[in-house]
Amino acid sequence: MNTRHYTEAEYLAFEREAEFKHEYAQGEIIAMTGSTFRHNHITSNILVALDRQLSERCTVLAADMRVRVRRAKSYRYPDVVVVCGEPEVEDDNPGSLVNPAVLVEVASETTQQTDHTKKLREYLQLATLQAYVLVAQNERRVEVYQRQADGWQYVMLTGENDDVTLTGVGATLQISEVYRNVSFDDMPANDDEIG
């Protein structure tokens, strides 16, 4: 199959005119689709929990903030973005943040492979990034990669009373807050989404 590769400039021009959001990775334009109720519920819980702790020194943003990873030649729309200090934004309409401190992806069955491989490799190249958080939406599981002096530390949380301190920004993420009022009993057979 002969897949066309787009330049970053072509992607940005396309995205300015597009009706729906698209991500970009190494020449490929990837369409984003809507999210499930559970995905949005979990994302909202994370936004509230982080904003409550960080609002005095950082800004917590929702999924419409595009992030550029220069070294990976990618543009992504993480589910939650935390930026501390002055935001550095490139491009225009809507602009691309280049200095996030924390990125969160709420993964579905369909997106978890990309979130755990491609996005992981891309995001960890960001010099300002302190933590990458992967949150499952079909079970109680939060995975965190945190920057340490000697590299990246990985931790997985599954217990209802588990928590992790995001040391780079000084916030604590509690499983009970992430999944507050989220039910897994009513889960449809196919809870997939793309993006």
N, C-alpha and C. Protein backbone atom coordinates (compact mmCIF):
# COMPACT_ATOMS: atom_id res chain seq x y z
N MET A 1 0.84 -1.18 0.00
CA MET A 1 0.00 0.00 0.00
C MET A 1 0.89 1.24 0.00
N ASN A 2 0.57 2.19 -0.83
CA ASN A 2 1.36 3.41 -0.95
C ASN A 2 0.68 4.52 -0.14
N THR A 3 1.18 4.79 1.06
CA THR A 3 0.61 5.79 1.93
C THR A 3 1.33 7.11 1.73
N ARG A 4 0.57 8.18 1.56
CA ARG A 4 1.17 9.49 1.38
C ARG A 4 1.72 10.00 2.70
N HIS A 5 2.89 10.60 2.66
CA HIS A 5 3.47 11.24 3.83
C HIS A 5 3.36 12.75 3.67
N TYR A 6 2.90 13.40 4.73
CA TYR A 6 2.69 14.83 4.73
C TYR A 6 3.82 15.51 5.52
N THR A 7 4.15 16.71 5.12
CA THR A 7 5.11 17.49 5.90
C THR A 7 4.38 18.09 7.10
N GLU A 8 5.13 18.57 8.07
CA GLU A 8 4.51 19.22 9.22
C GLU A 8 3.73 20.46 8.78
N ALA A 9 4.27 21.21 7.83
CA ALA A 9 3.57 22.40 7.33
C ALA A 9 2.26 22.01 6.66
N GLU A 10 2.26 20.92 5.90
CA GLU A 10 1.02 20.47 5.26
C GLU A 10 -0.01 20.04 6.30
N TYR A 11 0.46 19.35 7.33
CA TYR A 11 -0.44 18.95 8.41
C TYR A 11 -1.07 20.17 9.08
N LEU A 12 -0.26 21.15 9.43
CA LEU A 12 -0.77 22.34 10.12
C LEU A 12 -1.77 23.09 9.25
N ALA A 13 -1.50 23.19 7.96
CA ALA A 13 -2.45 23.84 7.04
C ALA A 13 -3.75 23.04 6.97
N PHE A 14 -3.64 21.72 6.89
CA PHE A 14 -4.81 20.85 6.86
C PHE A 14 -5.63 20.98 8.15
N GLU A 15 -4.93 20.99 9.29
CA GLU A 15 -5.60 21.04 10.59
C GLU A 15 -6.33 22.36 10.80
N ARG A 16 -5.79 23.45 10.27
CA ARG A 16 -6.46 24.75 10.39
C ARG A 16 -7.82 24.75 9.71
N GLU A 17 -7.95 23.99 8.64
CA GLU A 17 -9.20 23.96 7.87
C GLU A 17 -10.12 22.80 8.25
N ALA A 18 -9.61 21.85 9.00
CA ALA A 18 -10.37 20.62 9.30
C ALA A 18 -11.52 20.89 10.28
N GLU A 19 -12.59 20.17 10.08
CA GLU A 19 -13.74 20.29 10.96
C GLU A 19 -13.51 19.53 12.27
N PHE A 20 -12.72 18.46 12.21
CA PHE A 20 -12.42 17.64 13.37
C PHE A 20 -10.91 17.60 13.60
N LYS A 21 -10.51 17.25 14.83
CA LYS A 21 -9.08 17.21 15.18
C LYS A 21 -8.39 16.01 14.53
N HIS A 22 -7.10 16.23 14.24
CA HIS A 22 -6.24 15.19 13.71
C HIS A 22 -4.90 15.27 14.42
N GLU A 23 -4.30 14.11 14.67
CA GLU A 23 -2.94 14.08 15.17
C GLU A 23 -2.01 13.85 13.98
N TYR A 24 -0.71 14.02 14.24
CA TYR A 24 0.29 13.87 13.19
C TYR A 24 1.48 13.15 13.78
N ALA A 25 1.94 12.10 13.09
CA ALA A 25 3.11 11.36 13.55
C ALA A 25 3.92 10.90 12.35
N GLN A 26 5.16 11.39 12.26
CA GLN A 26 6.11 10.99 11.24
C GLN A 26 5.50 10.94 9.83
N GLY A 27 4.80 12.00 9.47
CA GLY A 27 4.26 12.11 8.12
C GLY A 27 2.84 11.62 7.93
N GLU A 28 2.27 11.00 8.93
CA GLU A 28 0.91 10.47 8.82
C GLU A 28 -0.07 11.36 9.57
N ILE A 29 -1.21 11.66 8.95
CA ILE A 29 -2.29 12.40 9.60
C ILE A 29 -3.31 11.39 10.11
N ILE A 30 -3.62 11.49 11.40
CA ILE A 30 -4.48 10.49 12.06
C ILE A 30 -5.74 11.17 12.57
N ALA A 31 -6.90 10.74 12.08
CA ALA A 31 -8.18 11.32 12.49
C ALA A 31 -8.50 10.95 13.93
N MET A 32 -9.04 11.92 14.66
CA MET A 32 -9.50 11.70 16.03
C MET A 32 -11.01 11.54 16.00
N THR A 33 -11.52 10.69 16.87
CA THR A 33 -12.97 10.53 16.96
C THR A 33 -13.43 10.89 18.36
N GLY A 34 -14.73 10.86 18.54
CA GLY A 34 -15.30 11.19 19.84
C GLY A 34 -14.95 10.17 20.90
N SER A 35 -15.18 10.54 22.14
CA SER A 35 -14.84 9.70 23.28
C SER A 35 -16.11 9.13 23.90
N THR A 36 -15.93 8.05 24.64
CA THR A 36 -17.06 7.44 25.34
C THR A 36 -17.40 8.24 26.59
N PHE A 37 -18.55 7.97 27.15
CA PHE A 37 -18.97 8.62 28.39
C PHE A 37 -17.95 8.34 29.49
N ARG A 38 -17.54 7.08 29.63
CA ARG A 38 -16.59 6.71 30.68
C ARG A 38 -15.26 7.45 30.50
N HIS A 39 -14.79 7.53 29.27
CA HIS A 39 -13.55 8.24 28.97
C HIS A 39 -13.65 9.69 29.44
N ASN A 40 -14.72 10.36 29.09
CA ASN A 40 -14.91 11.75 29.48
C ASN A 40 -15.07 11.92 30.99
N HIS A 41 -15.73 10.97 31.62
CA HIS A 41 -15.92 11.01 33.08
C HIS A 41 -14.56 10.92 33.78
N ILE A 42 -13.74 9.96 33.37
CA ILE A 42 -12.41 9.78 33.97
C ILE A 42 -11.55 11.01 33.71
N THR A 43 -11.57 11.52 32.49
CA THR A 43 -10.80 12.71 32.14
C THR A 43 -11.21 13.89 33.01
N SER A 44 -12.50 14.07 33.20
CA SER A 44 -12.99 15.17 34.05
C SER A 44 -12.52 15.00 35.49
N ASN A 45 -12.56 13.77 36.00
CA ASN A 45 -12.08 13.52 37.36
C ASN A 45 -10.61 13.91 37.52
N ILE A 46 -9.80 13.57 36.53
CA ILE A 46 -8.37 13.89 36.58
C ILE A 46 -8.15 15.40 36.51
N LEU A 47 -8.88 16.06 35.61
CA LEU A 47 -8.78 17.52 35.49
C LEU A 47 -9.07 18.20 36.82
N VAL A 48 -10.17 17.79 37.45
CA VAL A 48 -10.57 18.40 38.73
C VAL A 48 -9.53 18.13 39.80
N ALA A 49 -9.07 16.87 39.91
CA ALA A 49 -8.11 16.50 40.95
C ALA A 49 -6.79 17.28 40.79
N LEU A 50 -6.29 17.38 39.56
CA LEU A 50 -5.03 18.08 39.35
C LEU A 50 -5.18 19.59 39.48
N ASP A 51 -6.27 20.14 38.96
CA ASP A 51 -6.47 21.58 39.04
C ASP A 51 -6.62 22.03 40.48
N ARG A 52 -7.30 21.23 41.29
CA ARG A 52 -7.49 21.57 42.71
C ARG A 52 -6.14 21.72 43.41
N GLN A 53 -5.16 20.92 43.01
CA GLN A 53 -3.85 20.95 43.67
C GLN A 53 -2.87 21.92 43.02
N LEU A 54 -3.04 22.18 41.73
CA LEU A 54 -2.00 22.91 40.98
C LEU A 54 -2.39 24.30 40.52
N SER A 55 -3.61 24.72 40.73
CA SER A 55 -4.11 25.96 40.12
C SER A 55 -3.29 27.20 40.47
N GLU A 56 -2.58 27.19 41.58
CA GLU A 56 -1.78 28.36 41.98
C GLU A 56 -0.47 28.47 41.21
N ARG A 57 0.02 27.35 40.67
CA ARG A 57 1.33 27.40 40.01
C ARG A 57 1.39 26.76 38.62
N CYS A 58 0.34 26.04 38.24
CA CYS A 58 0.31 25.39 36.93
C CYS A 58 -1.07 25.55 36.31
N THR A 59 -1.16 25.29 35.03
CA THR A 59 -2.44 25.31 34.32
C THR A 59 -2.74 23.89 33.86
N VAL A 60 -3.97 23.44 34.14
CA VAL A 60 -4.41 22.11 33.73
C VAL A 60 -5.41 22.28 32.60
N LEU A 61 -5.12 21.64 31.46
CA LEU A 61 -5.92 21.83 30.25
C LEU A 61 -6.52 20.51 29.76
N ALA A 62 -7.63 20.62 29.05
CA ALA A 62 -8.32 19.45 28.50
C ALA A 62 -7.78 19.09 27.12
N ALA A 63 -8.41 18.13 26.51
CA ALA A 63 -7.95 17.46 25.29
C ALA A 63 -7.79 18.33 24.06
N ASP A 64 -8.22 19.56 24.07
CA ASP A 64 -8.09 20.39 22.88
C ASP A 64 -6.74 21.09 22.76
N MET A 65 -5.84 20.88 23.72
CA MET A 65 -4.52 21.50 23.65
C MET A 65 -3.57 20.60 22.87
N ARG A 66 -3.19 21.05 21.70
CA ARG A 66 -2.28 20.27 20.86
C ARG A 66 -0.86 20.42 21.41
N VAL A 67 -0.13 19.30 21.46
CA VAL A 67 1.25 19.28 21.94
C VAL A 67 2.16 18.86 20.80
N ARG A 68 3.23 19.62 20.62
CA ARG A 68 4.22 19.29 19.59
C ARG A 68 5.43 18.65 20.24
N VAL A 69 5.86 17.52 19.68
CA VAL A 69 7.11 16.88 20.09
C VAL A 69 8.06 17.04 18.91
N ARG A 70 8.92 18.04 18.97
CA ARG A 70 9.79 18.38 17.85
C ARG A 70 10.64 17.21 17.40
N ARG A 71 11.34 16.58 18.34
CA ARG A 71 12.29 15.51 17.98
C ARG A 71 11.59 14.32 17.33
N ALA A 72 10.35 14.08 17.71
CA ALA A 72 9.61 12.94 17.15
C ALA A 72 8.82 13.33 15.91
N LYS A 73 8.81 14.61 15.58
CA LYS A 73 8.02 15.11 14.45
C LYS A 73 6.57 14.68 14.60
N SER A 74 6.00 14.99 15.76
CA SER A 74 4.60 14.62 16.00
C SER A 74 3.84 15.75 16.67
N TYR A 75 2.54 15.71 16.46
CA TYR A 75 1.59 16.62 17.10
C TYR A 75 0.48 15.74 17.67
N ARG A 76 0.24 15.87 18.96
CA ARG A 76 -0.75 15.03 19.64
C ARG A 76 -1.72 15.89 20.44
N TYR A 77 -2.88 15.30 20.73
CA TYR A 77 -3.88 15.92 21.59
C TYR A 77 -4.08 15.03 22.82
N PRO A 78 -3.22 15.15 23.83
CA PRO A 78 -3.40 14.33 25.04
C PRO A 78 -4.72 14.69 25.72
N ASP A 79 -5.22 13.76 26.53
CA ASP A 79 -6.50 13.98 27.21
C ASP A 79 -6.40 15.06 28.28
N VAL A 80 -5.28 15.13 28.97
CA VAL A 80 -5.04 16.17 29.97
C VAL A 80 -3.59 16.64 29.81
N VAL A 81 -3.41 17.96 29.88
CA VAL A 81 -2.09 18.56 29.76
C VAL A 81 -1.89 19.50 30.95
N VAL A 82 -0.74 19.39 31.60
CA VAL A 82 -0.37 20.32 32.66
C VAL A 82 0.86 21.08 32.19
N VAL A 83 0.78 22.41 32.27
CA VAL A 83 1.93 23.25 31.96
C VAL A 83 2.18 24.14 33.16
N CYS A 84 3.43 24.17 33.59
CA CYS A 84 3.82 24.98 34.74
C CYS A 84 4.71 26.11 34.25
N GLY A 85 4.49 27.29 34.78
CA GLY A 85 5.23 28.44 34.30
C GLY A 85 4.58 28.98 33.04
N GLU A 86 5.35 29.74 32.29
CA GLU A 86 4.85 30.38 31.08
C GLU A 86 4.70 29.35 29.95
N PRO A 87 3.51 29.21 29.36
CA PRO A 87 3.35 28.27 28.25
C PRO A 87 4.11 28.75 27.01
N GLU A 88 4.76 27.81 26.34
CA GLU A 88 5.43 28.11 25.08
C GLU A 88 4.61 27.49 23.97
N VAL A 89 4.04 28.34 23.13
CA VAL A 89 3.14 27.88 22.08
C VAL A 89 3.69 28.29 20.73
N GLU A 90 3.71 27.33 19.81
CA GLU A 90 4.14 27.57 18.43
C GLU A 90 2.95 27.43 17.50
N ASP A 91 3.15 27.78 16.26
CA ASP A 91 2.13 27.66 15.22
C ASP A 91 0.97 28.61 15.52
N ASP A 92 -0.10 28.43 14.83
CA ASP A 92 -1.28 29.25 15.08
C ASP A 92 -2.54 28.41 14.88
N ASN A 93 -3.62 28.91 15.38
CA ASN A 93 -4.95 28.33 15.18
C ASN A 93 -4.97 26.81 15.21
N PRO A 94 -4.90 26.16 16.33
CA PRO A 94 -5.03 26.69 17.68
C PRO A 94 -3.70 26.87 18.40
N GLY A 95 -2.61 26.50 17.80
CA GLY A 95 -1.31 26.59 18.45
C GLY A 95 -0.90 25.25 19.03
N SER A 96 0.40 25.08 19.19
CA SER A 96 0.95 23.81 19.69
C SER A 96 1.84 24.09 20.89
N LEU A 97 1.50 23.52 22.03
CA LEU A 97 2.29 23.66 23.25
C LEU A 97 3.55 22.81 23.13
N VAL A 98 4.71 23.37 23.51
CA VAL A 98 5.96 22.61 23.41
C VAL A 98 6.60 22.36 24.77
N ASN A 99 6.00 22.85 25.87
CA ASN A 99 6.63 22.68 27.18
C ASN A 99 5.67 22.12 28.26
N PRO A 100 5.01 21.00 27.96
CA PRO A 100 4.14 20.42 29.00
C PRO A 100 4.96 19.80 30.13
N ALA A 101 4.40 19.81 31.34
CA ALA A 101 5.05 19.17 32.48
C ALA A 101 4.47 17.79 32.74
N VAL A 102 3.17 17.62 32.50
CA VAL A 102 2.50 16.33 32.68
C VAL A 102 1.56 16.12 31.51
N LEU A 103 1.55 14.89 30.97
CA LEU A 103 0.61 14.49 29.93
C LEU A 103 -0.14 13.26 30.40
N VAL A 104 -1.45 13.25 30.16
CA VAL A 104 -2.29 12.13 30.56
C VAL A 104 -3.05 11.63 29.35
N GLU A 105 -3.04 10.31 29.15
CA GLU A 105 -3.86 9.66 28.13
C GLU A 105 -4.79 8.67 28.82
N VAL A 106 -6.08 8.77 28.53
CA VAL A 106 -7.06 7.81 29.02
C VAL A 106 -7.27 6.81 27.88
N ALA A 107 -6.81 5.59 28.09
CA ALA A 107 -6.73 4.60 27.01
C ALA A 107 -7.96 3.70 26.94
N SER A 108 -8.34 3.39 25.72
CA SER A 108 -9.38 2.39 25.46
C SER A 108 -8.71 1.13 24.92
N GLU A 109 -9.49 0.13 24.65
CA GLU A 109 -8.94 -1.10 24.04
C GLU A 109 -8.23 -0.77 22.74
N THR A 110 -8.78 0.16 21.98
CA THR A 110 -8.22 0.51 20.67
C THR A 110 -6.98 1.38 20.77
N THR A 111 -6.94 2.30 21.73
CA THR A 111 -5.83 3.26 21.78
C THR A 111 -4.67 2.83 22.66
N GLN A 112 -4.88 1.82 23.51
CA GLN A 112 -3.84 1.50 24.49
C GLN A 112 -2.51 1.10 23.85
N GLN A 113 -2.53 0.43 22.72
CA GLN A 113 -1.28 0.04 22.05
C GLN A 113 -0.47 1.28 21.65
N THR A 114 -1.13 2.25 21.02
CA THR A 114 -0.46 3.48 20.61
C THR A 114 -0.01 4.28 21.83
N ASP A 115 -0.86 4.37 22.85
CA ASP A 115 -0.53 5.14 24.05
C ASP A 115 0.68 4.55 24.77
N HIS A 116 0.81 3.21 24.77
CA HIS A 116 1.89 2.53 25.49
C HIS A 116 3.18 2.39 24.66
N THR A 117 3.12 2.65 23.38
CA THR A 117 4.32 2.47 22.55
C THR A 117 4.71 3.78 21.88
N LYS A 118 4.00 4.15 20.81
CA LYS A 118 4.38 5.33 20.04
C LYS A 118 4.34 6.60 20.87
N LYS A 119 3.23 6.86 21.55
CA LYS A 119 3.13 8.09 22.33
C LYS A 119 4.12 8.08 23.49
N LEU A 120 4.32 6.93 24.10
CA LEU A 120 5.31 6.83 25.18
C LEU A 120 6.68 7.26 24.68
N ARG A 121 7.13 6.69 23.55
CA ARG A 121 8.44 7.04 23.00
C ARG A 121 8.52 8.53 22.65
N GLU A 122 7.43 9.06 22.08
CA GLU A 122 7.43 10.48 21.70
C GLU A 122 7.47 11.38 22.93
N TYR A 123 6.54 11.17 23.85
CA TYR A 123 6.41 12.06 25.00
C TYR A 123 7.66 12.10 25.87
N LEU A 124 8.32 10.96 26.04
CA LEU A 124 9.50 10.94 26.90
C LEU A 124 10.67 11.72 26.32
N GLN A 125 10.56 12.16 25.08
CA GLN A 125 11.59 13.00 24.46
C GLN A 125 11.44 14.48 24.82
N LEU A 126 10.30 14.85 25.42
CA LEU A 126 10.07 16.24 25.79
C LEU A 126 10.92 16.61 27.00
N ALA A 127 11.78 17.60 26.84
CA ALA A 127 12.71 17.98 27.92
C ALA A 127 11.99 18.50 29.16
N THR A 128 10.81 19.09 28.99
CA THR A 128 10.08 19.67 30.12
C THR A 128 9.18 18.66 30.82
N LEU A 129 8.95 17.51 30.20
CA LEU A 129 7.99 16.55 30.75
C LEU A 129 8.50 15.93 32.05
N GLN A 130 7.66 15.98 33.08
CA GLN A 130 7.98 15.39 34.38
C GLN A 130 7.26 14.06 34.59
N ALA A 131 6.08 13.89 33.96
CA ALA A 131 5.33 12.65 34.13
C ALA A 131 4.41 12.40 32.94
N TYR A 132 4.33 11.12 32.56
CA TYR A 132 3.37 10.66 31.56
C TYR A 132 2.48 9.65 32.28
N VAL A 133 1.18 9.91 32.27
CA VAL A 133 0.22 9.09 33.01
C VAL A 133 -0.72 8.41 32.02
N LEU A 134 -0.80 7.08 32.10
CA LEU A 134 -1.70 6.29 31.26
C LEU A 134 -2.80 5.73 32.15
N VAL A 135 -4.04 6.01 31.80
CA VAL A 135 -5.18 5.63 32.63
C VAL A 135 -6.08 4.70 31.82
N ALA A 136 -6.35 3.51 32.35
CA ALA A 136 -7.27 2.58 31.69
C ALA A 136 -8.70 3.02 31.95
N GLN A 137 -9.56 2.81 30.97
CA GLN A 137 -10.96 3.15 31.20
C GLN A 137 -11.84 1.93 31.36
N ASN A 138 -11.28 0.74 31.16
CA ASN A 138 -12.09 -0.48 31.30
C ASN A 138 -11.77 -1.26 32.57
N GLU A 139 -10.85 -0.75 33.36
CA GLU A 139 -10.51 -1.35 34.65
C GLU A 139 -9.78 -0.30 35.48
N ARG A 140 -9.64 -0.54 36.77
CA ARG A 140 -8.96 0.39 37.66
C ARG A 140 -7.45 0.15 37.53
N ARG A 141 -6.77 0.95 36.68
CA ARG A 141 -5.33 0.82 36.47
C ARG A 141 -4.76 2.14 35.98
N VAL A 142 -3.77 2.65 36.70
CA VAL A 142 -3.08 3.88 36.31
C VAL A 142 -1.59 3.57 36.26
N GLU A 143 -0.95 3.90 35.14
CA GLU A 143 0.49 3.70 34.97
C GLU A 143 1.15 5.06 34.86
N VAL A 144 2.25 5.23 35.55
CA VAL A 144 2.93 6.53 35.58
C VAL A 144 4.41 6.35 35.27
N TYR A 145 4.89 7.14 34.33
CA TYR A 145 6.32 7.27 34.06
C TYR A 145 6.73 8.63 34.59
N GLN A 146 7.69 8.65 35.52
CA GLN A 146 8.14 9.91 36.12
C GLN A 146 9.63 10.11 35.87
N ARG A 147 9.98 11.33 35.55
CA ARG A 147 11.38 11.67 35.33
C ARG A 147 12.12 11.66 36.67
N GLN A 148 13.26 10.98 36.70
CA GLN A 148 14.14 10.94 37.85
C GLN A 148 15.52 11.40 37.40
N ALA A 149 16.40 11.66 38.32
CA ALA A 149 17.75 12.12 37.97
C ALA A 149 18.47 11.11 37.08
N ASP A 150 18.18 9.83 37.27
CA ASP A 150 18.88 8.78 36.51
C ASP A 150 18.02 8.15 35.42
N GLY A 151 16.93 8.78 35.03
CA GLY A 151 16.08 8.23 33.97
C GLY A 151 14.61 8.28 34.35
N TRP A 152 13.84 7.35 33.79
CA TRP A 152 12.40 7.33 34.01
C TRP A 152 12.03 6.20 34.95
N GLN A 153 11.18 6.51 35.93
CA GLN A 153 10.68 5.52 36.88
C GLN A 153 9.25 5.16 36.47
N TYR A 154 8.94 3.87 36.52
CA TYR A 154 7.60 3.38 36.17
C TYR A 154 6.92 2.83 37.41
N VAL A 155 5.65 3.16 37.56
CA VAL A 155 4.85 2.59 38.64
C VAL A 155 3.44 2.33 38.10
N MET A 156 2.83 1.21 38.54
CA MET A 156 1.46 0.90 38.16
C MET A 156 0.62 0.83 39.43
N LEU A 157 -0.53 1.48 39.40
CA LEU A 157 -1.45 1.52 40.53
C LEU A 157 -2.74 0.81 40.14
N THR A 158 -3.22 -0.09 41.02
CA THR A 158 -4.47 -0.79 40.74
C THR A 158 -5.41 -0.82 41.94
N GLY A 159 -4.89 -0.58 43.12
CA GLY A 159 -5.71 -0.63 44.32
C GLY A 159 -6.52 0.65 44.51
N GLU A 160 -7.71 0.52 45.01
CA GLU A 160 -8.59 1.67 45.17
C GLU A 160 -7.98 2.76 46.05
N ASN A 161 -7.12 2.37 46.99
CA ASN A 161 -6.50 3.34 47.89
C ASN A 161 -5.08 3.73 47.48
N ASP A 162 -4.64 3.28 46.31
CA ASP A 162 -3.30 3.62 45.82
C ASP A 162 -3.24 5.09 45.41
N ASP A 163 -2.06 5.66 45.54
CA ASP A 163 -1.83 7.01 45.03
C ASP A 163 -0.37 7.14 44.64
N VAL A 164 -0.08 8.15 43.83
CA VAL A 164 1.29 8.43 43.42
C VAL A 164 1.49 9.93 43.45
N THR A 165 2.63 10.36 43.99
CA THR A 165 2.97 11.78 43.99
C THR A 165 3.73 12.09 42.72
N LEU A 166 3.20 13.03 41.96
CA LEU A 166 3.87 13.51 40.76
C LEU A 166 4.88 14.55 41.23
N THR A 167 6.07 14.07 41.57
CA THR A 167 7.06 14.89 42.26
C THR A 167 7.48 16.11 41.44
N GLY A 168 7.52 16.00 40.13
CA GLY A 168 7.95 17.12 39.30
C GLY A 168 7.05 18.32 39.35
N VAL A 169 5.76 18.11 39.72
CA VAL A 169 4.82 19.23 39.81
C VAL A 169 4.22 19.37 41.21
N GLY A 170 4.49 18.41 42.09
CA GLY A 170 4.01 18.50 43.46
C GLY A 170 2.53 18.24 43.62
N ALA A 171 2.01 17.25 42.91
CA ALA A 171 0.60 16.87 43.04
C ALA A 171 0.52 15.37 43.30
N THR A 172 -0.54 14.96 43.98
CA THR A 172 -0.77 13.54 44.23
C THR A 172 -1.99 13.08 43.46
N LEU A 173 -1.83 12.00 42.73
CA LEU A 173 -2.94 11.42 41.96
C LEU A 173 -3.42 10.18 42.70
N GLN A 174 -4.66 10.21 43.14
CA GLN A 174 -5.24 9.10 43.88
C GLN A 174 -6.18 8.31 42.97
N ILE A 175 -6.05 6.98 43.02
CA ILE A 175 -6.92 6.12 42.21
C ILE A 175 -8.39 6.41 42.52
N SER A 176 -8.69 6.59 43.80
CA SER A 176 -10.09 6.84 44.18
C SER A 176 -10.64 8.11 43.53
N GLU A 177 -9.80 9.13 43.30
CA GLU A 177 -10.25 10.35 42.63
C GLU A 177 -10.35 10.14 41.12
N VAL A 178 -9.39 9.43 40.55
CA VAL A 178 -9.41 9.17 39.11
C VAL A 178 -10.69 8.46 38.69
N TYR A 179 -11.10 7.46 39.49
CA TYR A 179 -12.26 6.64 39.14
C TYR A 179 -13.49 6.98 39.99
N ARG A 180 -13.53 8.18 40.56
CA ARG A 180 -14.67 8.58 41.40
C ARG A 180 -15.97 8.50 40.61
N ASN A 181 -16.92 7.73 41.15
CA ASN A 181 -18.26 7.54 40.56
C ASN A 181 -18.23 6.88 39.18
N VAL A 182 -17.15 6.19 38.83
CA VAL A 182 -17.07 5.46 37.56
C VAL A 182 -17.47 4.02 37.81
N SER A 183 -18.43 3.54 37.05
CA SER A 183 -18.89 2.16 37.19
C SER A 183 -18.33 1.31 36.06
N PHE A 184 -17.84 0.13 36.42
CA PHE A 184 -17.38 -0.82 35.41
C PHE A 184 -18.43 -1.89 35.15
N ASP A 185 -19.51 -1.89 35.94
CA ASP A 185 -20.54 -2.91 35.81
C ASP A 185 -21.34 -2.77 34.53
N ASP A 186 -21.53 -1.55 34.06
CA ASP A 186 -22.37 -1.30 32.89
C ASP A 186 -21.56 -1.20 31.59
N MET A 187 -20.38 -1.78 31.59
CA MET A 187 -19.49 -1.63 30.44
C MET A 187 -20.03 -2.37 29.23
N PRO A 188 -20.19 -1.67 28.09
CA PRO A 188 -20.66 -2.34 26.87
C PRO A 188 -19.61 -3.32 26.35
N ALA A 189 -20.03 -4.21 25.49
CA ALA A 189 -19.13 -5.22 24.94
C ALA A 189 -17.97 -4.58 24.19
N ASN A 190 -18.22 -3.45 23.52
CA ASN A 190 -17.18 -2.79 22.76
C ASN A 190 -17.11 -1.33 23.20
N ASP A 191 -16.11 -0.99 23.99
CA ASP A 191 -15.96 0.36 24.53
C ASP A 191 -14.82 1.08 23.83
N ASP A 192 -14.72 0.86 22.51
CA ASP A 192 -13.58 1.37 21.76
C ASP A 192 -13.79 2.79 21.27
N GLU A 193 -12.66 3.42 20.99
CA GLU A 193 -12.62 4.75 20.41
C GLU A 193 -11.27 4.89 19.73
N ILE A 194 -11.13 5.87 18.91
CA ILE A 194 -9.86 6.10 18.23
C ILE A 194 -9.34 7.45 18.63
N GLY A 195 -8.02 7.55 18.88
CA GLY A 195 -7.44 8.86 19.14
C GLY A 195 -6.75 8.94 20.45
